[in-house]
Amino acid sequence: MSLSVIIITRNEAANIRDCLRGLDFANEVIVLDYASTDGTAEMARSLGATVHVTQDWPGFGPQKNRVLAMAQGDWVLSLDADERVPTDLREEILAAISREDAAAAYELPRLSSYCGQFIRHSGWSPDYVLRLFRRGQARFSDDLVHEKVLATGRVGQLKTPLLHLSFPDFESVLDKMNRYSSAGAQSMARRGVQSSLLAALGHGLWAFIRTYVIRRGFLDGQLGLALAISNAEGTYYRYAKRWLTARQRDAQS
């Protein structure tokens, strides 16, 4: 069975080399780059990937559906540039897609790092993500952010973790918090979800309690506390941005 790996990128020069180096088991690797200015596309081409570049950004879900349409393999593995496929997971993927009784799609356990530490609580572990599927039996949701794979048919689970080097430093935490909260606010507006300053405060507080207490973030030490605070901030900013956008629109009307 042939395997396509699909990746979307935007200024991922710091990540794409290590991501692609672990993908020589795939029949093809396709990178869809959104107008990177740091040489991401050129670097990916030099490492053997098929690279396409787009000048517009429709959101994470639609962009991933674009690159999915380019895949030719019997199976598709969707990755982000900051994810790594260790050797044991590579072997498990190849074994899974070669079985006669293979499922239509597979969830992979993901182990994510935060400022240099792998997080094993805080709602981050176990973190199963559906990333491996038969081509033609799954697509991505059209969400602007936090898109999901929508599969038709039986979904199985693999055992070996996919490594996610998500936040190498606090600058990346702040950058992603800003970008994702803006996209989240836009998604709320599309769905007609309203907000207020009080709602922003309440949702932010609940995000902290859920991460640090209910999901036992305190077991991740000091970085568990930092993660809970940043989750609370990101949630607060998402609802606050939605509130401010609506407030400014009403003031202009």
Protein backbone atom coordinates (compact mmCIF):
# COMPACT_ATOMS: atom_id res chain seq x y z
CA MET A 1 0.00 0.00 0.00
CA SER A 2 1.39 3.41 -0.94
CA LEU A 3 1.61 6.24 1.61
CA SER A 4 1.44 10.01 1.10
CA VAL A 5 2.55 12.44 3.81
CA ILE A 6 0.95 15.89 3.66
CA ILE A 7 2.17 19.00 5.50
CA ILE A 8 1.09 22.65 5.44
CA THR A 9 3.68 25.30 6.32
CA ARG A 10 4.17 28.98 6.97
CA ASN A 11 7.70 30.15 7.89
CA GLU A 12 8.75 26.75 9.28
CA ALA A 13 12.45 26.84 8.36
CA ALA A 14 13.34 26.02 11.97
CA ASN A 15 11.26 22.84 11.87
CA ILE A 16 10.84 21.50 8.35
CA ARG A 17 14.28 19.92 7.96
CA ASP A 18 13.97 17.65 11.01
CA CYS A 19 10.36 16.84 10.14
CA LEU A 20 11.17 15.73 6.58
CA ARG A 21 14.29 13.77 7.49
CA GLY A 22 12.17 11.16 9.26
CA LEU A 23 9.77 10.57 6.35
CA ASP A 24 11.82 8.47 3.91
CA PHE A 25 9.39 5.57 4.46
CA ALA A 26 6.64 7.42 2.54
CA ASN A 27 6.08 7.12 -1.18
CA GLU A 28 5.57 10.86 -1.49
CA VAL A 29 5.77 13.91 0.74
CA ILE A 30 3.72 16.94 -0.26
CA VAL A 31 4.23 20.36 1.33
CA LEU A 32 1.73 23.15 0.74
CA ASP A 33 3.39 26.39 1.79
CA TYR A 34 1.61 29.66 2.46
CA ALA A 35 3.96 32.35 1.12
CA SER A 36 6.82 31.71 3.56
CA THR A 37 9.55 34.36 3.64
CA ASP A 38 12.20 32.32 5.47
CA GLY A 39 13.10 29.79 2.79
CA THR A 40 10.76 27.02 3.99
CA ALA A 41 9.64 26.05 0.47
CA GLU A 42 13.18 25.95 -0.93
CA MET A 43 14.42 23.89 2.01
CA ALA A 44 11.59 21.39 1.63
CA ARG A 45 12.31 21.00 -2.10
CA SER A 46 16.00 20.39 -1.39
CA LEU A 47 15.00 17.54 0.91
CA GLY A 48 12.92 15.80 -1.74
CA ALA A 49 9.41 17.00 -0.96
CA THR A 50 6.95 18.04 -3.64
CA VAL A 51 6.23 21.68 -2.79
CA HIS A 52 3.32 23.89 -3.82
CA VAL A 53 2.95 27.52 -2.76
CA THR A 54 -0.27 29.45 -2.22
CA GLN A 55 -0.59 33.20 -1.73
CA ASP A 56 -3.87 33.13 0.19
CA TRP A 57 -4.83 31.68 3.56
CA PRO A 58 -8.35 30.18 3.84
CA GLY A 59 -7.84 28.71 7.34
CA PHE A 60 -6.30 25.50 8.64
CA GLY A 61 -9.10 23.13 7.64
CA PRO A 62 -9.52 24.37 4.05
CA GLN A 63 -5.74 24.57 3.57
CA LYS A 64 -5.31 20.96 4.68
CA ASN A 65 -8.09 19.88 2.33
CA ARG A 66 -6.17 21.59 -0.48
CA VAL A 67 -3.03 19.56 0.15
CA LEU A 68 -5.08 16.40 0.74
CA ALA A 69 -6.48 16.76 -2.80
CA MET A 70 -2.90 16.60 -4.13
CA ALA A 71 -2.10 13.24 -2.49
CA GLN A 72 -1.93 10.14 -4.65
CA GLY A 73 -1.21 7.40 -2.11
CA ASP A 74 -3.61 4.72 -0.92
CA TRP A 75 -3.04 6.06 2.60
CA VAL A 76 -2.43 9.58 3.89
CA LEU A 77 -0.49 10.69 6.96
CA SER A 78 -1.10 14.32 7.93
CA LEU A 79 1.65 16.05 9.90
CA ASP A 80 2.54 19.50 11.16
CA ALA A 81 6.06 20.80 10.63
CA ASP A 82 6.80 20.69 14.36
CA GLU A 83 5.95 16.98 14.61
CA ARG A 84 8.39 14.08 14.37
CA VAL A 85 7.83 10.42 13.47
CA PRO A 86 10.16 8.23 15.57
CA THR A 87 11.40 4.90 14.20
CA ASP A 88 9.01 2.76 16.24
CA LEU A 89 6.01 4.76 15.03
CA ARG A 90 7.22 4.49 11.46
CA GLU A 91 7.26 0.70 11.73
CA GLU A 92 3.84 0.64 13.37
CA ILE A 93 2.36 2.80 10.60
CA LEU A 94 3.74 0.56 7.87
CA ALA A 95 2.43 -2.54 9.65
CA ALA A 96 -1.03 -0.99 10.12
CA ILE A 97 -1.57 0.00 6.49
CA SER A 98 -0.39 -3.40 5.23
CA ARG A 99 -2.98 -5.41 7.20
CA GLU A 100 -5.88 -6.90 5.31
CA ASP A 101 -8.22 -5.96 8.15
CA ALA A 102 -6.91 -2.40 8.47
CA ALA A 103 -9.30 0.24 9.78
CA ALA A 104 -10.35 3.20 7.65
CA ALA A 105 -8.33 5.56 9.86
CA TYR A 106 -6.05 5.56 12.88
CA GLU A 107 -5.54 7.85 15.84
CA LEU A 108 -1.98 8.38 17.01
CA PRO A 109 -1.07 9.19 20.62
CA ARG A 110 0.82 12.48 20.65
CA LEU A 111 3.42 13.58 23.18
CA SER A 112 3.88 17.35 23.17
CA SER A 113 6.57 19.56 24.64
CA TYR A 114 6.20 23.00 26.23
CA CYS A 115 9.32 25.17 26.52
CA GLY A 116 11.59 22.13 26.44
CA GLN A 117 9.60 19.76 28.69
CA PHE A 118 7.31 16.97 27.53
CA ILE A 119 3.93 17.45 29.21
CA ARG A 120 2.36 14.25 30.55
CA HIS A 121 -0.72 15.76 32.25
CA SER A 122 -2.59 19.09 31.85
CA GLY A 123 -4.94 17.54 29.28
CA TRP A 124 -2.02 17.04 26.88
CA SER A 125 -1.48 13.34 27.51
CA PRO A 126 -2.86 11.03 26.37
CA ASP A 127 -3.63 13.18 23.35
CA TYR A 128 -4.97 11.03 20.52
CA VAL A 129 -5.06 12.74 17.12
CA LEU A 130 -6.54 11.21 13.97
CA ARG A 131 -3.79 11.60 11.38
CA LEU A 132 -3.55 8.37 9.36
CA PHE A 133 -6.36 7.41 7.00
CA ARG A 134 -7.25 5.78 3.70
CA ARG A 135 -7.39 8.36 0.94
CA GLY A 136 -11.01 8.94 0.00
CA GLN A 137 -12.35 7.92 3.41
CA ALA A 138 -11.58 11.10 5.33
CA ARG A 139 -11.36 14.86 4.97
CA PHE A 140 -10.68 17.83 7.21
CA SER A 141 -13.37 19.95 8.79
CA ASP A 142 -13.63 23.50 7.44
CA ASP A 143 -12.71 25.10 10.78
CA LEU A 144 -10.36 28.08 10.58
CA VAL A 145 -8.42 26.70 13.54
CA HIS A 146 -8.47 23.45 15.56
CA GLU A 147 -9.60 21.54 12.47
CA LYS A 148 -10.44 17.83 12.77
CA VAL A 149 -10.17 14.83 10.49
CA LEU A 150 -13.64 13.52 9.65
CA ALA A 151 -13.39 9.83 8.75
CA THR A 152 -15.97 7.44 7.37
CA GLY A 153 -15.51 3.91 8.63
CA ARG A 154 -13.83 2.22 11.57
CA VAL A 155 -11.18 4.15 13.47
CA GLY A 156 -8.36 2.27 15.20
CA GLN A 157 -5.53 3.41 17.47
CA LEU A 158 -1.77 3.05 17.26
CA LYS A 159 0.44 2.78 20.34
CA THR A 160 3.68 4.63 19.62
CA PRO A 161 3.59 8.40 20.30
CA LEU A 162 3.98 11.04 17.63
CA LEU A 163 6.40 13.65 19.01
CA HIS A 164 5.14 17.23 18.95
CA LEU A 165 7.77 19.92 19.56
CA SER A 166 5.10 22.55 19.86
CA PHE A 167 6.57 25.42 21.88
CA PRO A 168 10.38 25.63 21.96
CA ASP A 169 10.34 28.89 23.93
CA PHE A 170 7.97 31.42 25.42
CA GLU A 171 8.12 33.66 22.36
CA SER A 172 6.49 30.87 20.37
CA VAL A 173 3.83 30.51 23.08
CA LEU A 174 2.92 34.19 22.81
CA ASP A 175 2.99 34.18 19.01
CA LYS A 176 0.72 31.15 18.71
CA MET A 177 -1.60 32.46 21.44
CA ASN A 178 -2.11 35.67 19.47
CA ARG A 179 -2.66 33.97 16.10
CA TYR A 180 -4.96 31.24 17.41
CA SER A 181 -7.04 33.57 19.57
CA SER A 182 -7.65 35.80 16.54
CA ALA A 183 -8.63 32.82 14.39
CA GLY A 184 -10.82 31.51 17.21
CA ALA A 185 -12.61 34.84 17.51
CA GLN A 186 -13.26 34.84 13.76
CA SER A 187 -14.64 31.31 14.01
CA MET A 188 -16.95 32.40 16.84
CA ALA A 189 -18.21 35.26 14.67
CA ARG A 190 -18.91 32.90 11.77
CA ARG A 191 -20.98 30.68 14.07
CA GLY A 192 -22.83 33.64 15.53
CA VAL A 193 -21.39 33.14 19.02
CA GLN A 194 -21.52 36.33 21.11
CA SER A 195 -19.21 37.32 23.94
CA SER A 196 -18.67 39.89 26.66
CA LEU A 197 -15.86 40.96 28.94
CA LEU A 198 -17.41 38.96 31.77
CA ALA A 199 -17.65 35.88 29.52
CA ALA A 200 -13.98 36.31 28.55
CA LEU A 201 -12.96 36.42 32.22
CA GLY A 202 -15.14 33.44 33.11
CA HIS A 203 -13.94 31.24 30.25
CA GLY A 204 -10.33 32.17 30.98
CA LEU A 205 -10.69 31.25 34.64
CA TRP A 206 -12.36 27.96 33.76
CA ALA A 207 -9.55 27.12 31.29
CA PHE A 208 -7.02 27.54 34.11
CA ILE A 209 -8.99 25.40 36.55
CA ARG A 210 -9.58 22.70 33.94
CA THR A 211 -5.89 22.55 32.95
CA TYR A 212 -4.22 22.91 36.34
CA VAL A 213 -6.68 21.20 38.68
CA ILE A 214 -9.08 18.88 36.83
CA ARG A 215 -6.47 17.69 34.32
CA ARG A 216 -3.76 17.64 37.01
CA GLY A 217 -1.44 20.17 35.46
CA PHE A 218 0.18 20.62 38.86
CA LEU A 219 1.88 17.25 38.30
CA ASP A 220 3.84 18.83 35.43
CA GLY A 221 5.64 21.12 37.87
CA GLN A 222 6.39 24.77 37.26
CA LEU A 223 5.88 24.48 33.51
CA GLY A 224 2.50 22.90 34.21
CA LEU A 225 1.55 26.11 35.99
CA ALA A 226 2.92 28.23 33.14
CA LEU A 227 0.94 26.15 30.66
CA ALA A 228 -2.28 26.55 32.64
CA ILE A 229 -1.79 30.32 32.74
CA SER A 230 -1.13 30.52 29.00
CA ASN A 231 -4.21 28.36 28.30
CA ALA A 232 -6.25 30.76 30.42
CA GLU A 233 -4.80 33.77 28.60
CA GLY A 234 -5.43 32.29 25.16
CA THR A 235 -9.05 31.53 26.05
CA TYR A 236 -9.54 35.00 27.56
CA TYR A 237 -8.09 36.69 24.46
CA ARG A 238 -10.29 34.64 22.11
CA TYR A 239 -13.50 35.72 23.85
CA ALA A 240 -12.25 39.27 24.44
CA LYS A 241 -11.34 39.71 20.77
CA ARG A 242 -14.79 38.50 19.76
CA TRP A 243 -16.38 40.97 22.20
CA LEU A 244 -14.23 43.91 21.08
CA THR A 245 -14.81 43.24 17.38
CA ALA A 246 -18.58 43.20 17.86
CA ARG A 247 -18.39 46.30 20.09
CA GLN A 248 -16.41 48.25 17.50
CA ARG A 249 -18.77 47.15 14.73
CA ASP A 250 -21.81 48.30 16.70
CA ALA A 251 -20.16 51.63 17.45
CA GLN A 252 -19.57 52.26 13.74
CA SER A 253 -23.11 51.33 12.67
